[in-house]
């Protein structure tokens, strides 16, 4: 069963990782998929969280603050500007 559904049902402890990262959209319609608990539970399973497609600078900062491991965007220049403002130890990676 999908981690996201187990997360919503608060049964994510039953998840057995089959991948190293979840690459998920930030929203499904009007439903926010990514929150601090989702990220914490994924990390508890040693799974990274990559969120896509984030083009708004405020949203980029929001997801970085939540602790995502990767952020996919159509505007890497915007993301690089934000990452350059972050302390070095918080910047995980960026590819223009």
C-alpha atoms as a PDB file:
ATOM      1  CA  UNK A   1       0.000   0.000   0.000  1.00  0.00           C
ATOM      2  CA  UNK A   2       1.181   3.510  -0.717  1.00  0.00           C
ATOM      3  CA  UNK A   3       2.995   5.376   2.053  1.00  0.00           C
ATOM      4  CA  UNK A   4       0.795   8.436   1.527  1.00  0.00           C
ATOM      5  CA  UNK A   5      -2.372   6.475   2.293  1.00  0.00           C
ATOM      6  CA  UNK A   6      -0.783   4.801   5.291  1.00  0.00           C
ATOM      7  CA  UNK A   7       0.324   8.257   6.450  1.00  0.00           C
ATOM      8  CA  UNK A   8      -3.228   9.624   6.211  1.00  0.00           C
ATOM      9  CA  UNK A   9      -4.532   6.632   8.155  1.00  0.00           C
ATOM     10  CA  UNK A  10      -1.718   7.046  10.698  1.00  0.00           C
ATOM     11  CA  UNK A  11      -0.534   3.535   9.895  1.00  0.00           C
ATOM     12  CA  UNK A  12       2.781   4.549   8.349  1.00  0.00           C
ATOM     13  CA  UNK A  13       4.687   2.417  10.872  1.00  0.00           C
ATOM     14  CA  UNK A  14       3.521  -0.572   8.805  1.00  0.00           C
ATOM     15  CA  UNK A  15       5.321   0.749   5.713  1.00  0.00           C
ATOM     16  CA  UNK A  16       8.305  -1.223   4.435  1.00  0.00           C
ATOM     17  CA  UNK A  17      10.503   0.990   2.225  1.00  0.00           C
ATOM     18  CA  UNK A  18      11.019  -0.080  -1.354  1.00  0.00           C
ATOM     19  CA  UNK A  19      12.722   3.115  -2.504  1.00  0.00           C
ATOM     20  CA  UNK A  20      15.203   5.716  -1.319  1.00  0.00           C
ATOM     21  CA  UNK A  21      12.987   8.726  -2.035  1.00  0.00           C
ATOM     22  CA  UNK A  22       9.382   9.748  -2.468  1.00  0.00           C
ATOM     23  CA  UNK A  23       8.906  12.204  -5.317  1.00  0.00           C
ATOM     24  CA  UNK A  24       5.451  13.630  -4.788  1.00  0.00           C
ATOM     25  CA  UNK A  25       3.443  16.673  -5.821  1.00  0.00           C
ATOM     26  CA  UNK A  26       2.872  19.246  -3.118  1.00  0.00           C
ATOM     27  CA  UNK A  27      -0.885  19.025  -3.585  1.00  0.00           C
ATOM     28  CA  UNK A  28      -3.474  16.662  -4.951  1.00  0.00           C
ATOM     29  CA  UNK A  29      -6.284  18.972  -6.026  1.00  0.00           C
ATOM     30  CA  UNK A  30      -7.022  20.989  -2.886  1.00  0.00           C
ATOM     31  CA  UNK A  31      -5.359  18.505  -0.546  1.00  0.00           C
ATOM     32  CA  UNK A  32      -1.889  19.318   0.806  1.00  0.00           C
ATOM     33  CA  UNK A  33       0.152  16.124   0.638  1.00  0.00           C
ATOM     34  CA  UNK A  34       3.329  17.312   2.322  1.00  0.00           C
ATOM     35  CA  UNK A  35       3.472  18.330   5.972  1.00  0.00           C
ATOM     36  CA  UNK A  36       6.026  18.029   8.773  1.00  0.00           C
ATOM     37  CA  UNK A  37       4.598  14.711   9.933  1.00  0.00           C
ATOM     38  CA  UNK A  38       4.800  13.213   6.424  1.00  0.00           C
ATOM     39  CA  UNK A  39       8.437  14.273   6.151  1.00  0.00           C
ATOM     40  CA  UNK A  40       9.291  13.049   9.658  1.00  0.00           C
ATOM     41  CA  UNK A  41       7.678   9.656   9.066  1.00  0.00           C
ATOM     42  CA  UNK A  42       9.400   9.258   5.692  1.00  0.00           C
ATOM     43  CA  UNK A  43      12.727  10.159   7.296  1.00  0.00           C
ATOM     44  CA  UNK A  44      12.030   7.633  10.078  1.00  0.00           C
ATOM     45  CA  UNK A  45      12.005   5.025   7.298  1.00  0.00           C
ATOM     46  CA  UNK A  46      15.232   6.499   5.826  1.00  0.00           C
ATOM     47  CA  UNK A  47      13.327   7.744   2.787  1.00  0.00           C
ATOM     48  CA  UNK A  48      13.956  11.210   1.345  1.00  0.00           C
ATOM     49  CA  UNK A  49      11.089  13.491   0.309  1.00  0.00           C
ATOM     50  CA  UNK A  50      11.305  15.365  -3.014  1.00  0.00           C
ATOM     51  CA  UNK A  51       8.398  17.681  -3.785  1.00  0.00           C
ATOM     52  CA  UNK A  52       7.351  18.910  -7.241  1.00  0.00           C
ATOM     53  CA  UNK A  53       6.669  21.185  -9.103  1.00  0.00           C
ATOM     54  CA  UNK A  54       7.256  24.241  -6.927  1.00  0.00           C
ATOM     55  CA  UNK A  55       7.651  27.499  -8.848  1.00  0.00           C
ATOM     56  CA  UNK A  56       6.611  30.137  -6.306  1.00  0.00           C
ATOM     57  CA  UNK A  57       9.509  31.451  -4.155  1.00  0.00           C
ATOM     58  CA  UNK A  58       7.351  31.594  -1.001  1.00  0.00           C
ATOM     59  CA  UNK A  59       6.274  27.991  -1.537  1.00  0.00           C
ATOM     60  CA  UNK A  60       9.901  26.995  -2.143  1.00  0.00           C
ATOM     61  CA  UNK A  61      10.897  28.517   1.185  1.00  0.00           C
ATOM     62  CA  UNK A  62       7.913  26.879   2.902  1.00  0.00           C
ATOM     63  CA  UNK A  63       8.874  23.372   1.765  1.00  0.00           C
ATOM     64  CA  UNK A  64      12.535  23.945   2.559  1.00  0.00           C
ATOM     65  CA  UNK A  65      11.491  25.037   6.059  1.00  0.00           C
ATOM     66  CA  UNK A  66       9.420  21.858   6.405  1.00  0.00           C
ATOM     67  CA  UNK A  67      12.573  19.860   5.705  1.00  0.00           C
ATOM     68  CA  UNK A  68      12.125  18.371   2.241  1.00  0.00           C
ATOM     69  CA  UNK A  69      15.247  16.779   0.821  1.00  0.00           C
ATOM     70  CA  UNK A  70      14.671  17.864  -2.758  1.00  0.00           C
ATOM     71  CA  UNK A  71      12.608  20.433  -4.590  1.00  0.00           C
ATOM     72  CA  UNK A  72      11.768  20.200  -8.285  1.00  0.00           C
ATOM     73  CA  UNK A  73      11.003  23.455 -10.093  1.00  0.00           C
ATOM     74  CA  UNK A  74      10.722  24.969 -13.549  1.00  0.00           C
ATOM     75  CA  UNK A  75      12.667  27.977 -12.226  1.00  0.00           C
ATOM     76  CA  UNK A  76      15.983  26.797 -10.740  1.00  0.00           C
ATOM     77  CA  UNK A  77      17.269  30.390 -10.681  1.00  0.00           C
ATOM     78  CA  UNK A  78      14.571  31.268  -8.120  1.00  0.00           C
ATOM     79  CA  UNK A  79      15.465  28.255  -6.023  1.00  0.00           C
ATOM     80  CA  UNK A  80      19.181  29.049  -6.183  1.00  0.00           C
ATOM     81  CA  UNK A  81      18.515  32.586  -4.908  1.00  0.00           C
ATOM     82  CA  UNK A  82      16.639  31.121  -1.944  1.00  0.00           C
ATOM     83  CA  UNK A  83      19.267  28.453  -1.293  1.00  0.00           C
ATOM     84  CA  UNK A  84      22.021  31.068  -1.378  1.00  0.00           C
ATOM     85  CA  UNK A  85      20.256  32.820   1.518  1.00  0.00           C
ATOM     86  CA  UNK A  86      20.186  29.576   3.564  1.00  0.00           C
ATOM     87  CA  UNK A  87      23.007  28.714   5.964  1.00  0.00           C
ATOM     88  CA  UNK A  88      25.412  26.367   4.163  1.00  0.00           C
ATOM     89  CA  UNK A  89      24.606  23.357   6.370  1.00  0.00           C
ATOM     90  CA  UNK A  90      20.916  23.566   5.401  1.00  0.00           C
ATOM     91  CA  UNK A  91      21.538  23.549   1.652  1.00  0.00           C
ATOM     92  CA  UNK A  92      21.441  19.954   0.460  1.00  0.00           C
ATOM     93  CA  UNK A  93      21.717  20.318  -3.316  1.00  0.00           C
ATOM     94  CA  UNK A  94      20.706  22.390  -6.265  1.00  0.00           C
ATOM     95  CA  UNK A  95      21.115  21.762  -9.956  1.00  0.00           C
ATOM     96  CA  UNK A  96      20.504  24.692 -12.313  1.00  0.00           C
END
